[in-house]
Amino acid sequence: MKIVRTSILPFRGFTAINLLGVLFVHPGVYLSNELMNHERIHTAQQREMLFVFFYLFYVVEWLVRLPMRGNAYRNISFEREAYANQRNAAYLSSRPLYAWRRYLKRSSRPHQHR
């Protein structure tokens, strides 16, 4: 994965952004093994969806999740898969195609009853 350090991308509040398998990171950000694995998972997701469909689905899912409970970004299935497996260095070697689909229905936060 190519790494580009720039103050322009990612947007404020984010550490890194993976665009077409190129990782854009602010200068001085420490690239931990977990962060790199998280971004490698995104690269696998992008490839299996031929890049353009990944971005289309990502935006549509974010828009659908905006009015829902919780953080729309954190509840996107692609993010949920990446966060759930970022500590597992061997995950990509056994990851089934379209594994992010497992994260579509379940909420990332337990539902609290009042």
PDB file of N, CA and C in Angstrom:
ATOM      1  N   MET A   1       0.847  -1.165   0.000  1.00  0.00           N
ATOM      2  CA  MET A   1       0.000   0.000   0.000  1.00  0.00           C
ATOM      3  C   MET A   1       0.899   1.236   0.000  1.00  0.00           C
ATOM      4  N   LYS A   2       0.635   2.117  -0.921  1.00  0.00           N
ATOM      5  CA  LYS A   2       1.392   3.367  -0.989  1.00  0.00           C
ATOM      6  C   LYS A   2       0.858   4.321   0.078  1.00  0.00           C
ATOM      7  N   ILE A   3       1.768   5.028   0.740  1.00  0.00           N
ATOM      8  CA  ILE A   3       1.403   5.965   1.799  1.00  0.00           C
ATOM      9  C   ILE A   3       1.825   7.368   1.371  1.00  0.00           C
ATOM     10  N   VAL A   4       0.883   8.305   1.432  1.00  0.00           N
ATOM     11  CA  VAL A   4       1.145   9.704   1.099  1.00  0.00           C
ATOM     12  C   VAL A   4       0.839  10.536   2.331  1.00  0.00           C
ATOM     13  N   ARG A   5       1.846  11.266   2.800  1.00  0.00           N
ATOM     14  CA  ARG A   5       1.641  12.148   3.946  1.00  0.00           C
ATOM     15  C   ARG A   5       1.330  13.551   3.431  1.00  0.00           C
ATOM     16  N   THR A   6       0.187  14.071   3.866  1.00  0.00           N
ATOM     17  CA  THR A   6      -0.265  15.381   3.396  1.00  0.00           C
ATOM     18  C   THR A   6      -1.147  16.026   4.458  1.00  0.00           C
ATOM     19  N   SER A   7      -1.136  17.343   4.496  1.00  0.00           N
ATOM     20  CA  SER A   7      -1.999  18.051   5.452  1.00  0.00           C
ATOM     21  C   SER A   7      -3.389  18.307   4.863  1.00  0.00           C
ATOM     22  N   ILE A   8      -3.575  17.996   3.585  1.00  0.00           N
ATOM     23  CA  ILE A   8      -4.864  18.229   2.923  1.00  0.00           C
ATOM     24  C   ILE A   8      -5.859  17.105   3.220  1.00  0.00           C
ATOM     25  N   LEU A   9      -5.416  15.874   3.106  1.00  0.00           N
ATOM     26  CA  LEU A   9      -6.253  14.702   3.383  1.00  0.00           C
ATOM     27  C   LEU A   9      -5.630  13.920   4.514  1.00  0.00           C
ATOM     28  N   PRO A  10      -6.386  13.296   5.363  1.00  0.00           N
ATOM     29  CA  PRO A  10      -7.832  13.210   5.396  1.00  0.00           C
ATOM     30  C   PRO A  10      -8.459  14.464   5.993  1.00  0.00           C
ATOM     31  N   PHE A  11      -9.783  14.456   5.998  1.00  0.00           N
ATOM     32  CA  PHE A  11     -10.525  15.579   6.535  1.00  0.00           C
ATOM     33  C   PHE A  11     -10.344  15.669   8.045  1.00  0.00           C
ATOM     34  N   ARG A  12     -10.628  16.819   8.586  1.00  0.00           N
ATOM     35  CA  ARG A  12     -10.485  17.067  10.025  1.00  0.00           C
ATOM     36  C   ARG A  12     -11.221  15.997  10.829  1.00  0.00           C
ATOM     37  N   GLY A  13     -10.556  15.480  11.835  1.00  0.00           N
ATOM     38  CA  GLY A  13     -11.163  14.482  12.711  1.00  0.00           C
ATOM     39  C   GLY A  13     -10.823  13.050  12.327  1.00  0.00           C
ATOM     40  N   PHE A  14     -10.172  12.867  11.187  1.00  0.00           N
ATOM     41  CA  PHE A  14      -9.801  11.526  10.747  1.00  0.00           C
ATOM     42  C   PHE A  14      -8.286  11.407  10.687  1.00  0.00           C
ATOM     43  N   THR A  15      -7.792  10.214  10.947  1.00  0.00           N
ATOM     44  CA  THR A  15      -6.359   9.949  10.954  1.00  0.00           C
ATOM     45  C   THR A  15      -5.837   9.642   9.563  1.00  0.00           C
ATOM     46  N   ALA A  16      -6.619   8.852   8.815  1.00  0.00           N
ATOM     47  CA  ALA A  16      -6.179   8.402   7.500  1.00  0.00           C
ATOM     48  C   ALA A  16      -7.392   8.197   6.603  1.00  0.00           C
ATOM     49  N   ILE A  17      -7.146   8.227   5.302  1.00  0.00           N
ATOM     50  CA  ILE A  17      -8.195   7.900   4.332  1.00  0.00           C
ATOM     51  C   ILE A  17      -7.549   7.074   3.225  1.00  0.00           C
ATOM     52  N   ASN A  18      -8.237   6.023   2.854  1.00  0.00           N
ATOM     53  CA  ASN A  18      -7.757   5.094   1.843  1.00  0.00           C
ATOM     54  C   ASN A  18      -8.535   5.359   0.551  1.00  0.00           C
ATOM     55  N   LEU A  19      -7.864   5.874  -0.442  1.00  0.00           N
ATOM     56  CA  LEU A  19      -8.491   6.148  -1.729  1.00  0.00           C
ATOM     57  C   LEU A  19      -7.801   5.306  -2.793  1.00  0.00           C
ATOM     58  N   LEU A  20      -8.546   4.362  -3.345  1.00  0.00           N
ATOM     59  CA  LEU A  20      -8.043   3.477  -4.399  1.00  0.00           C
ATOM     60  C   LEU A  20      -6.788   2.724  -3.984  1.00  0.00           C
ATOM     61  N   GLY A  21      -6.717   2.378  -2.703  1.00  0.00           N
ATOM     62  CA  GLY A  21      -5.575   1.621  -2.201  1.00  0.00           C
ATOM     63  C   GLY A  21      -4.370   2.474  -1.849  1.00  0.00           C
ATOM     64  N   VAL A  22      -4.505   3.787  -1.921  1.00  0.00           N
ATOM     65  CA  VAL A  22      -3.444   4.711  -1.513  1.00  0.00           C
ATOM     66  C   VAL A  22      -3.872   5.325  -0.187  1.00  0.00           C
ATOM     67  N   LEU A  23      -3.002   5.248   0.801  1.00  0.00           N
ATOM     68  CA  LEU A  23      -3.325   5.739   2.138  1.00  0.00           C
ATOM     69  C   LEU A  23      -2.810   7.163   2.303  1.00  0.00           C
ATOM     70  N   PHE A  24      -3.730   8.098   2.543  1.00  0.00           N
ATOM     71  CA  PHE A  24      -3.376   9.495   2.799  1.00  0.00           C
ATOM     72  C   PHE A  24      -3.427   9.714   4.302  1.00  0.00           C
ATOM     73  N   VAL A  25      -2.323  10.240   4.847  1.00  0.00           N
ATOM     74  CA  VAL A  25      -2.168  10.389   6.290  1.00  0.00           C
ATOM     75  C   VAL A  25      -1.554  11.759   6.573  1.00  0.00           C
ATOM     76  N   HIS A  26      -2.019  12.379   7.656  1.00  0.00           N
ATOM     77  CA  HIS A  26      -1.419  13.646   8.069  1.00  0.00           C
ATOM     78  C   HIS A  26       0.031  13.413   8.491  1.00  0.00           C
ATOM     79  N   PRO A  27       0.892  14.405   8.275  1.00  0.00           N
ATOM     80  CA  PRO A  27       2.281  14.276   8.729  1.00  0.00           C
ATOM     81  C   PRO A  27       2.321  14.072  10.242  1.00  0.00           C
ATOM     82  N   GLY A  28       3.182  13.206  10.673  1.00  0.00           N
ATOM     83  CA  GLY A  28       3.351  12.965  12.105  1.00  0.00           C
ATOM     84  C   GLY A  28       2.436  11.913  12.691  1.00  0.00           C
ATOM     85  N   VAL A  29       1.467  11.410  11.932  1.00  0.00           N
ATOM     86  CA  VAL A  29       0.569  10.363  12.440  1.00  0.00           C
ATOM     87  C   VAL A  29       1.330   9.042  12.493  1.00  0.00           C
ATOM     88  N   TYR A  30       1.251   8.374  13.642  1.00  0.00           N
ATOM     89  CA  TYR A  30       1.895   7.074  13.802  1.00  0.00           C
ATOM     90  C   TYR A  30       1.050   6.003  13.114  1.00  0.00           C
ATOM     91  N   LEU A  31       1.667   5.245  12.236  1.00  0.00           N
ATOM     92  CA  LEU A  31       0.966   4.187  11.507  1.00  0.00           C
ATOM     93  C   LEU A  31       1.149   2.862  12.251  1.00  0.00           C
ATOM     94  N   SER A  32       0.256   2.621  13.178  1.00  0.00           N
ATOM     95  CA  SER A  32       0.311   1.397  13.976  1.00  0.00           C
ATOM     96  C   SER A  32      -0.051   0.187  13.111  1.00  0.00           C
ATOM     97  N   ASN A  33       0.272  -0.987  13.605  1.00  0.00           N
ATOM     98  CA  ASN A  33      -0.105  -2.221  12.908  1.00  0.00           C
ATOM     99  C   ASN A  33      -1.616  -2.320  12.768  1.00  0.00           C
ATOM    100  N   GLU A  34      -2.343  -1.894  13.803  1.00  0.00           N
ATOM    101  CA  GLU A  34      -3.806  -1.934  13.761  1.00  0.00           C
ATOM    102  C   GLU A  34      -4.357  -1.009  12.680  1.00  0.00           C
ATOM    103  N   LEU A  35      -3.835   0.206  12.617  1.00  0.00           N
ATOM    104  CA  LEU A  35      -4.290   1.155  11.600  1.00  0.00           C
ATOM    105  C   LEU A  35      -3.991   0.622  10.201  1.00  0.00           C
ATOM    106  N   MET A  36      -2.801   0.086  10.010  1.00  0.00           N
ATOM    107  CA  MET A  36      -2.438  -0.444   8.694  1.00  0.00           C
ATOM    108  C   MET A  36      -3.319  -1.628   8.320  1.00  0.00           C
ATOM    109  N   ASN A  37      -3.615  -2.492   9.278  1.00  0.00           N
ATOM    110  CA  ASN A  37      -4.483  -3.635   8.987  1.00  0.00           C
ATOM    111  C   ASN A  37      -5.897  -3.165   8.665  1.00  0.00           C
ATOM    112  N   HIS A  38      -6.387  -2.181   9.401  1.00  0.00           N
ATOM    113  CA  HIS A  38      -7.699  -1.585   9.151  1.00  0.00           C
ATOM    114  C   HIS A  38      -7.770  -1.097   7.699  1.00  0.00           C
ATOM    115  N   GLU A  39      -6.752  -0.388   7.263  1.00  0.00           N
ATOM    116  CA  GLU A  39      -6.734   0.158   5.903  1.00  0.00           C
ATOM    117  C   GLU A  39      -6.541  -0.931   4.848  1.00  0.00           C
ATOM    118  N   ARG A  40      -5.802  -1.968   5.170  1.00  0.00           N
ATOM    119  CA  ARG A  40      -5.667  -3.100   4.235  1.00  0.00           C
ATOM    120  C   ARG A  40      -7.007  -3.814   4.045  1.00  0.00           C
ATOM    121  N   ILE A  41      -7.787  -3.884   5.106  1.00  0.00           N
ATOM    122  CA  ILE A  41      -9.129  -4.468   4.995  1.00  0.00           C
ATOM    123  C   ILE A  41      -9.967  -3.621   4.044  1.00  0.00           C
ATOM    124  N   HIS A  42      -9.865  -2.294   4.163  1.00  0.00           N
ATOM    125  CA  HIS A  42     -10.590  -1.418   3.242  1.00  0.00           C
ATOM    126  C   HIS A  42     -10.122  -1.626   1.793  1.00  0.00           C
ATOM    127  N   THR A  43      -8.837  -1.830   1.597  1.00  0.00           N
ATOM    128  CA  THR A  43      -8.336  -2.073   0.245  1.00  0.00           C
ATOM    129  C   THR A  43      -8.931  -3.353  -0.322  1.00  0.00           C
ATOM    130  N   ALA A  44      -9.034  -4.393   0.496  1.00  0.00           N
ATOM    131  CA  ALA A  44      -9.650  -5.656   0.049  1.00  0.00           C
ATOM    132  C   ALA A  44     -11.117  -5.428  -0.308  1.00  0.00           C
ATOM    133  N   GLN A  45     -11.822  -4.662   0.505  1.00  0.00           N
ATOM    134  CA  GLN A  45     -13.225  -4.341   0.232  1.00  0.00           C
ATOM    135  C   GLN A  45     -13.362  -3.580  -1.086  1.00  0.00           C
ATOM    136  N   GLN A  46     -12.491  -2.617  -1.285  1.00  0.00           N
ATOM    137  CA  GLN A  46     -12.542  -1.810  -2.502  1.00  0.00           C
ATOM    138  C   GLN A  46     -12.293  -2.657  -3.739  1.00  0.00           C
ATOM    139  N   ARG A  47     -11.291  -3.517  -3.672  1.00  0.00           N
ATOM    140  CA  ARG A  47     -10.963  -4.362  -4.819  1.00  0.00           C
ATOM    141  C   ARG A  47     -12.104  -5.291  -5.188  1.00  0.00           C
ATOM    142  N   GLU A  48     -12.707  -5.924  -4.185  1.00  0.00           N
ATOM    143  CA  GLU A  48     -13.765  -6.884  -4.491  1.00  0.00           C
ATOM    144  C   GLU A  48     -15.005  -6.199  -5.048  1.00  0.00           C
ATOM    145  N   MET A  49     -15.138  -4.902  -4.816  1.00  0.00           N
ATOM    146  CA  MET A  49     -16.283  -4.155  -5.340  1.00  0.00           C
ATOM    147  C   MET A  49     -15.882  -3.251  -6.503  1.00  0.00           C
ATOM    148  N   LEU A  50     -14.719  -3.532  -7.062  1.00  0.00           N
ATOM    149  CA  LEU A  50     -14.222  -2.809  -8.241  1.00  0.00           C
ATOM    150  C   LEU A  50     -14.133  -1.303  -7.993  1.00  0.00           C
ATOM    151  N   PHE A  51     -13.742  -0.943  -6.806  1.00  0.00           N
ATOM    152  CA  PHE A  51     -13.511   0.418  -6.350  1.00  0.00           C
ATOM    153  C   PHE A  51     -14.731   1.329  -6.462  1.00  0.00           C
ATOM    154  N   VAL A  52     -15.236   1.584  -7.632  1.00  0.00           N
ATOM    155  CA  VAL A  52     -16.331   2.547  -7.796  1.00  0.00           C
ATOM    156  C   VAL A  52     -17.584   2.117  -7.029  1.00  0.00           C
ATOM    157  N   PHE A  53     -17.902   0.831  -7.034  1.00  0.00           N
ATOM    158  CA  PHE A  53     -19.089   0.356  -6.318  1.00  0.00           C
ATOM    159  C   PHE A  53     -18.888   0.436  -4.808  1.00  0.00           C
ATOM    160  N   PHE A  54     -17.656   0.281  -4.358  1.00  0.00           N
ATOM    161  CA  PHE A  54     -17.355   0.449  -2.936  1.00  0.00           C
ATOM    162  C   PHE A  54     -17.735   1.862  -2.500  1.00  0.00           C
ATOM    163  N   TYR A  55     -17.260   2.862  -3.235  1.00  0.00           N
ATOM    164  CA  TYR A  55     -17.518   4.246  -2.853  1.00  0.00           C
ATOM    165  C   TYR A  55     -19.003   4.607  -2.974  1.00  0.00           C
ATOM    166  N   LEU A  56     -19.652   4.122  -3.992  1.00  0.00           N
ATOM    167  CA  LEU A  56     -21.085   4.365  -4.133  1.00  0.00           C
ATOM    168  C   LEU A  56     -21.860   3.764  -2.969  1.00  0.00           C
ATOM    169  N   PHE A  57     -21.573   2.500  -2.661  1.00  0.00           N
ATOM    170  CA  PHE A  57     -22.274   1.826  -1.575  1.00  0.00           C
ATOM    171  C   PHE A  57     -21.949   2.484  -0.238  1.00  0.00           C
ATOM    172  N   TYR A  58     -20.688   2.887  -0.050  1.00  0.00           N
ATOM    173  CA  TYR A  58     -20.255   3.531   1.183  1.00  0.00           C
ATOM    174  C   TYR A  58     -21.082   4.785   1.440  1.00  0.00           C
ATOM    175  N   VAL A  59     -21.212   5.643   0.427  1.00  0.00           N
ATOM    176  CA  VAL A  59     -21.961   6.899   0.581  1.00  0.00           C
ATOM    177  C   VAL A  59     -23.446   6.624   0.804  1.00  0.00           C
ATOM    178  N   VAL A  60     -24.016   5.695   0.053  1.00  0.00           N
ATOM    179  CA  VAL A  60     -25.435   5.368   0.217  1.00  0.00           C
ATOM    180  C   VAL A  60     -25.689   4.823   1.619  1.00  0.00           C
ATOM    181  N   GLU A  61     -24.830   3.918   2.078  1.00  0.00           N
ATOM    182  CA  GLU A  61     -25.032   3.361   3.421  1.00  0.00           C
ATOM    183  C   GLU A  61     -24.886   4.450   4.484  1.00  0.00           C
ATOM    184  N   TRP A  62     -23.939   5.345   4.328  1.00  0.00           N
ATOM    185  CA  TRP A  62     -23.761   6.440   5.280  1.00  0.00           C
ATOM    186  C   TRP A  62     -25.023   7.302   5.327  1.00  0.00           C
ATOM    187  N   LEU A  63     -25.579   7.617   4.162  1.00  0.00           N
ATOM    188  CA  LEU A  63     -26.803   8.428   4.106  1.00  0.00           C
ATOM    189  C   LEU A  63     -27.976   7.720   4.779  1.00  0.00           C
ATOM    190  N   VAL A  64     -28.081   6.419   4.572  1.00  0.00           N
ATOM    191  CA  VAL A  64     -29.158   5.643   5.197  1.00  0.00           C
ATOM    192  C   VAL A  64     -28.990   5.629   6.709  1.00  0.00           C
ATOM    193  N   ARG A  65     -27.760   5.567   7.189  1.00  0.00           N
ATOM    194  CA  ARG A  65     -27.495   5.462   8.628  1.00  0.00           C
ATOM    195  C   ARG A  65     -27.497   6.815   9.353  1.00  0.00           C
ATOM    196  N   LEU A  66     -27.454   7.911   8.628  1.00  0.00           N
ATOM    197  CA  LEU A  66     -27.443   9.235   9.268  1.00  0.00           C
ATOM    198  C   LEU A  66     -28.589   9.434  10.254  1.00  0.00           C
ATOM    199  N   PRO A  67     -29.838   9.131   9.886  1.00  0.00           N
ATOM    200  CA  PRO A  67     -30.922   9.368  10.844  1.00  0.00           C
ATOM    201  C   PRO A  67     -31.039   8.279  11.921  1.00  0.00           C
ATOM    202  N   MET A  68     -30.258   7.243  11.838  1.00  0.00           N
ATOM    203  CA  MET A  68     -30.340   6.141  12.801  1.00  0.00           C
ATOM    204  C   MET A  68     -29.578   6.474  14.076  1.00  0.00           C
ATOM    205  N   ARG A  69     -29.835   5.704  15.104  1.00  0.00           N
ATOM    206  CA  ARG A  69     -29.151   5.855  16.379  1.00  0.00           C
ATOM    207  C   ARG A  69     -27.666   5.533  16.214  1.00  0.00           C
ATOM    208  N   GLY A  70     -26.824   6.292  16.893  1.00  0.00           N
ATOM    209  CA  GLY A  70     -25.387   6.038  16.872  1.00  0.00           C
ATOM    210  C   GLY A  70     -24.680   6.862  15.800  1.00  0.00           C
ATOM    211  N   ASN A  71     -23.422   6.589  15.651  1.00  0.00           N
ATOM    212  CA  ASN A  71     -22.559   7.295  14.721  1.00  0.00           C
ATOM    213  C   ASN A  71     -22.668   6.666  13.335  1.00  0.00           C
ATOM    214  N   ALA A  72     -23.128   7.419  12.349  1.00  0.00           N
ATOM    215  CA  ALA A  72     -23.350   6.879  11.000  1.00  0.00           C
ATOM    216  C   ALA A  72     -22.063   6.299  10.420  1.00  0.00           C
ATOM    217  N   TYR A  73     -20.953   6.999  10.578  1.00  0.00           N
ATOM    218  CA  TYR A  73     -19.664   6.515  10.062  1.00  0.00           C
ATOM    219  C   TYR A  73     -19.283   5.180  10.691  1.00  0.00           C
ATOM    220  N   ARG A  74     -19.360   5.087  12.012  1.00  0.00           N
ATOM    221  CA  ARG A  74     -18.973   3.855  12.712  1.00  0.00           C
ATOM    222  C   ARG A  74     -19.915   2.700  12.429  1.00  0.00           C
ATOM    223  N   ASN A  75     -21.136   3.001  11.992  1.00  0.00           N
ATOM    224  CA  ASN A  75     -22.115   1.948  11.719  1.00  0.00           C
ATOM    225  C   ASN A  75     -22.124   1.476  10.272  1.00  0.00           C
ATOM    226  N   ILE A  76     -21.310   2.061   9.417  1.00  0.00           N
ATOM    227  CA  ILE A  76     -21.193   1.584   8.040  1.00  0.00           C
ATOM    228  C   ILE A  76     -20.577   0.194   8.078  1.00  0.00           C
ATOM    229  N   SER A  77     -21.154  -0.728   7.323  1.00  0.00           N
ATOM    230  CA  SER A  77     -20.703  -2.124   7.366  1.00  0.00           C
ATOM    231  C   SER A  77     -19.210  -2.274   7.058  1.00  0.00           C
ATOM    232  N   PHE A  78     -18.681  -1.496   6.125  1.00  0.00           N
ATOM    233  CA  PHE A  78     -17.254  -1.578   5.788  1.00  0.00           C
ATOM    234  C   PHE A  78     -16.392  -1.186   6.982  1.00  0.00           C
ATOM    235  N   GLU A  79     -16.803  -0.136   7.682  1.00  0.00           N
ATOM    236  CA  GLU A  79     -16.063   0.307   8.868  1.00  0.00           C
ATOM    237  C   GLU A  79     -16.187  -0.706  10.000  1.00  0.00           C
ATOM    238  N   ARG A  80     -17.363  -1.249  10.176  1.00  0.00           N
ATOM    239  CA  ARG A  80     -17.573  -2.216  11.251  1.00  0.00           C
ATOM    240  C   ARG A  80     -16.703  -3.452  11.050  1.00  0.00           C
ATOM    241  N   GLU A  81     -16.606  -3.927   9.803  1.00  0.00           N
ATOM    242  CA  GLU A  81     -15.726  -5.078   9.534  1.00  0.00           C
ATOM    243  C   GLU A  81     -14.274  -4.710   9.828  1.00  0.00           C
ATOM    244  N   ALA A  82     -13.844  -3.550   9.364  1.00  0.00           N
ATOM    245  CA  ALA A  82     -12.453  -3.141   9.553  1.00  0.00           C
ATOM    246  C   ALA A  82     -12.118  -2.937  11.028  1.00  0.00           C
ATOM    247  N   TYR A  83     -12.984  -2.265  11.776  1.00  0.00           N
ATOM    248  CA  TYR A  83     -12.726  -2.059  13.203  1.00  0.00           C
ATOM    249  C   TYR A  83     -12.760  -3.379  13.975  1.00  0.00           C
ATOM    250  N   ALA A  84     -13.676  -4.261  13.631  1.00  0.00           N
ATOM    251  CA  ALA A  84     -13.805  -5.533  14.343  1.00  0.00           C
ATOM    252  C   ALA A  84     -12.590  -6.438  14.148  1.00  0.00           C
ATOM    253  N   ASN A  85     -11.877  -6.260  13.042  1.00  0.00           N
ATOM    254  CA  ASN A  85     -10.787  -7.176  12.713  1.00  0.00           C
ATOM    255  C   ASN A  85      -9.425  -6.524  12.608  1.00  0.00           C
ATOM    256  N   GLN A  86      -9.307  -5.266  12.935  1.00  0.00           N
ATOM    257  CA  GLN A  86      -8.034  -4.571  12.774  1.00  0.00           C
ATOM    258  C   GLN A  86      -6.914  -5.114  13.668  1.00  0.00           C
ATOM    259  N   ARG A  87      -7.253  -5.763  14.750  1.00  0.00           N
ATOM    260  CA  ARG A  87      -6.228  -6.326  15.641  1.00  0.00           C
ATOM    261  C   ARG A  87      -5.811  -7.738  15.238  1.00  0.00           C
ATOM    262  N   ASN A  88      -6.495  -8.313  14.270  1.00  0.00           N
ATOM    263  CA  ASN A  88      -6.213  -9.672  13.820  1.00  0.00           C
ATOM    264  C   ASN A  88      -5.335  -9.611  12.578  1.00  0.00           C
ATOM    265  N   ALA A  89      -4.024  -9.762  12.752  1.00  0.00           N
ATOM    266  CA  ALA A  89      -3.077  -9.646  11.641  1.00  0.00           C
ATOM    267  C   ALA A  89      -3.295 -10.720  10.582  1.00  0.00           C
ATOM    268  N   ALA A  90      -3.908 -11.834  10.950  1.00  0.00           N
ATOM    269  CA  ALA A  90      -4.126 -12.927  10.004  1.00  0.00           C
ATOM    270  C   ALA A  90      -5.493 -12.855   9.324  1.00  0.00           C
ATOM    271  N   TYR A  91      -6.282 -11.855   9.647  1.00  0.00           N
ATOM    272  CA  TYR A  91      -7.652 -11.785   9.140  1.00  0.00           C
ATOM    273  C   TYR A  91      -7.737 -11.836   7.622  1.00  0.00           C
ATOM    274  N   LEU A  92      -6.933 -11.067   6.944  1.00  0.00           N
ATOM    275  CA  LEU A  92      -7.037 -10.994   5.484  1.00  0.00           C
ATOM    276  C   LEU A  92      -6.705 -12.319   4.794  1.00  0.00           C
ATOM    277  N   SER A  93      -5.907 -13.147   5.428  1.00  0.00           N
ATOM    278  CA  SER A  93      -5.555 -14.432   4.811  1.00  0.00           C
ATOM    279  C   SER A  93      -6.717 -15.417   4.827  1.00  0.00           C
ATOM    280  N   SER A  94      -7.694 -15.183   5.701  1.00  0.00           N
ATOM    281  CA  SER A  94      -8.841 -16.095   5.773  1.00  0.00           C
ATOM    282  C   SER A  94     -10.181 -15.385   5.525  1.00  0.00           C
ATOM    283  N   ARG A  95     -10.124 -14.135   5.178  1.00  0.00           N
ATOM    284  CA  ARG A  95     -11.345 -13.338   4.984  1.00  0.00           C
ATOM    285  C   ARG A  95     -12.111 -13.806   3.752  1.00  0.00           C
ATOM    286  N   PRO A  96     -13.390 -14.158   3.939  1.00  0.00           N
ATOM    287  CA  PRO A  96     -14.196 -14.526   2.764  1.00  0.00           C
ATOM    288  C   PRO A  96     -14.570 -13.278   1.956  1.00  0.00           C
ATOM    289  N   LEU A  97     -14.815 -13.468   0.682  1.00  0.00           N
ATOM    290  CA  LEU A  97     -15.258 -12.358  -0.151  1.00  0.00           C
ATOM    291  C   LEU A  97     -16.546 -11.755   0.405  1.00  0.00           C
ATOM    292  N   TYR A  98     -16.652 -10.476   0.318  1.00  0.00           N
ATOM    293  CA  TYR A  98     -17.841  -9.735   0.750  1.00  0.00           C
ATOM    294  C   TYR A  98     -18.175  -9.974   2.226  1.00  0.00           C
ATOM    295  N   ALA A  99     -17.159 -10.132   3.046  1.00  0.00           N
ATOM    296  CA  ALA A  99     -17.364 -10.367   4.478  1.00  0.00           C
ATOM    297  C   ALA A  99     -18.083  -9.197   5.151  1.00  0.00           C
ATOM    298  N   TRP A 100     -17.975  -8.013   4.589  1.00  0.00           N
ATOM    299  CA  TRP A 100     -18.635  -6.830   5.161  1.00  0.00           C
ATOM    300  C   TRP A 100     -20.154  -6.993   5.225  1.00  0.00           C
ATOM    301  N   ARG A 101     -20.706  -7.876   4.385  1.00  0.00           N
ATOM    302  CA  ARG A 101     -22.168  -8.074   4.378  1.00  0.00           C
ATOM    303  C   ARG A 101     -22.673  -8.577   5.728  1.00  0.00           C
ATOM    304  N   ARG A 102     -21.828  -9.275   6.460  1.00  0.00           N
ATOM    305  CA  ARG A 102     -22.220  -9.773   7.799  1.00  0.00           C
ATOM    306  C   ARG A 102     -22.538  -8.631   8.754  1.00  0.00           C
ATOM    307  N   TYR A 103     -22.032  -7.455   8.458  1.00  0.00           N
ATOM    308  CA  TYR A 103     -22.169  -6.309   9.355  1.00  0.00           C
ATOM    309  C   TYR A 103     -23.281  -5.351   8.937  1.00  0.00           C
ATOM    310  N   LEU A 104     -24.029  -5.706   7.917  1.00  0.00           N
ATOM    311  CA  LEU A 104     -25.079  -4.813   7.419  1.00  0.00           C
ATOM    312  C   LEU A 104     -26.234  -4.640   8.396  1.00  0.00           C
ATOM    313  N   LYS A 105     -26.721  -5.719   8.983  1.00  0.00           N
ATOM    314  CA  LYS A 105     -27.953  -5.649   9.775  1.00  0.00           C
ATOM    315  C   LYS A 105     -27.738  -5.341  11.241  1.00  0.00           C
ATOM    316  N   ARG A 106     -26.722  -5.890  11.817  1.00  0.00           N
ATOM    317  CA  ARG A 106     -26.525  -5.709  13.252  1.00  0.00           C
ATOM    318  C   ARG A 106     -25.993  -4.328  13.569  1.00  0.00           C
ATOM    319  N   SER A 107     -26.469  -3.780  14.652  1.00  0.00           N
ATOM    320  CA  SER A 107     -25.987  -2.483  15.116  1.00  0.00           C
ATOM    321  C   SER A 107     -24.661  -2.670  15.824  1.00  0.00           C
ATOM    322  N   SER A 108     -23.776  -1.690  15.716  1.00  0.00           N
ATOM    323  CA  SER A 108     -22.483  -1.784  16.387  1.00  0.00           C
ATOM    324  C   SER A 108     -22.600  -1.494  17.876  1.00  0.00           C
ATOM    325  N   ARG A 109     -23.698  -0.872  18.273  1.00  0.00           N
ATOM    326  CA  ARG A 109     -23.924  -0.600  19.692  1.00  0.00           C
ATOM    327  C   ARG A 109     -25.108  -1.426  20.167  1.00  0.00           C
ATOM    328  N   PRO A 110     -25.002  -2.002  21.346  1.00  0.00           N
ATOM    329  CA  PRO A 110     -26.168  -2.745  21.865  1.00  0.00           C
ATOM    330  C   PRO A 110     -27.348  -1.803  22.036  1.00  0.00           C
ATOM    331  N   HIS A 111     -28.493  -2.289  21.720  1.00  0.00           N
ATOM    332  CA  HIS A 111     -29.713  -1.495  21.843  1.00  0.00           C
ATOM    333  C   HIS A 111     -30.064  -1.352  23.317  1.00  0.00           C
ATOM    334  N   GLN A 112     -30.192  -0.141  23.791  1.00  0.00           N
ATOM    335  CA  GLN A 112     -30.540   0.080  25.187  1.00  0.00           C
ATOM    336  C   GLN A 112     -32.038   0.268  25.304  1.00  0.00           C
ATOM    337  N   HIS A 113     -32.631  -0.513  26.182  1.00  0.00           N
ATOM    338  CA  HIS A 113     -34.065  -0.392  26.429  1.00  0.00           C
ATOM    339  C   HIS A 113     -34.295   0.603  27.547  1.00  0.00           C
ATOM    340  N   ARG A 114     -35.326   1.390  27.404  1.00  0.00           N
ATOM    341  CA  ARG A 114     -35.641   2.399  28.442  1.00  0.00           C
ATOM    342  C   ARG A 114     -36.808   1.960  29.254  1.00  0.00           C
TER     343      ARG A 114
END
